Amino acid sequence: MGKKSNLLESIKFIDNVLKKNNILNKNSIDIDKLVKTIKHKINLS
C-alpha cells in the first residue's frame, strides 16, 4: 500500500503543478501520458 499512496501523491503533485502554472506546452503532454500510465498500472495492481 505504501508504494500506491506514494504514486498517488506524486500524481496529485504533478496535477497541481500543471494546474497552478497553467502549462500548455509539449512537456505537459508528456507528463499527462506518464500520469495516465501510472494510474493504469495502479488500477491493475
Protein backbone atom coordinates (compact mmCIF):
# COMPACT_ATOMS: atom_id res chain seq x y z
CA MET A 1 0.00 0.00 0.00
CA GLY A 2 2.90 2.36 0.70
CA LYS A 3 4.04 2.43 -2.92
CA LYS A 4 0.49 3.04 -4.16
CA SER A 5 -0.07 6.02 -1.88
CA ASN A 6 3.33 7.47 -2.85
CA LEU A 7 2.42 7.20 -6.54
CA LEU A 8 -0.97 8.78 -5.90
CA GLU A 9 0.69 11.66 -4.04
CA SER A 10 3.09 12.12 -6.98
CA ILE A 11 0.16 12.20 -9.42
CA LYS A 12 -1.66 14.78 -7.29
CA PHE A 13 1.51 16.87 -7.05
CA ILE A 14 2.11 16.82 -10.81
CA ASP A 15 -1.56 17.62 -11.45
CA ASN A 16 -1.48 20.56 -9.03
CA VAL A 17 1.74 21.95 -10.52
CA LEU A 18 0.27 21.78 -14.02
CA LYS A 19 -2.95 23.48 -12.92
CA LYS A 20 -1.19 26.21 -10.90
CA ASN A 21 1.22 27.04 -13.71
CA ASN A 22 -1.38 26.54 -16.45
CA ILE A 23 1.26 24.77 -18.52
CA LEU A 24 0.23 24.38 -22.15
CA ASN A 25 3.47 23.20 -23.74
CA LYS A 26 4.67 19.86 -25.11
CA ASN A 27 6.14 18.85 -21.75
CA SER A 28 2.69 18.85 -20.14
CA ILE A 29 1.50 16.36 -22.76
CA ASP A 30 4.38 14.02 -21.89
CA ILE A 31 3.62 14.36 -18.17
CA ASP A 32 -0.06 13.67 -18.86
CA LYS A 33 0.84 10.45 -20.67
CA LEU A 34 3.09 9.47 -17.76
CA VAL A 35 0.36 10.13 -15.22
CA LYS A 36 -2.18 8.10 -17.21
CA THR A 37 0.29 5.21 -17.44
CA ILE A 38 0.94 5.31 -13.68
CA LYS A 39 -2.81 5.44 -12.93
CA HIS A 40 -3.38 2.48 -15.27
CA LYS A 41 -0.66 0.45 -13.52
CA ILE A 42 -2.09 1.29 -10.09
CA ASN A 43 -5.54 0.14 -11.20
CA LEU A 44 -4.12 -3.17 -12.45
CA SER A 45 -2.30 -3.96 -9.19
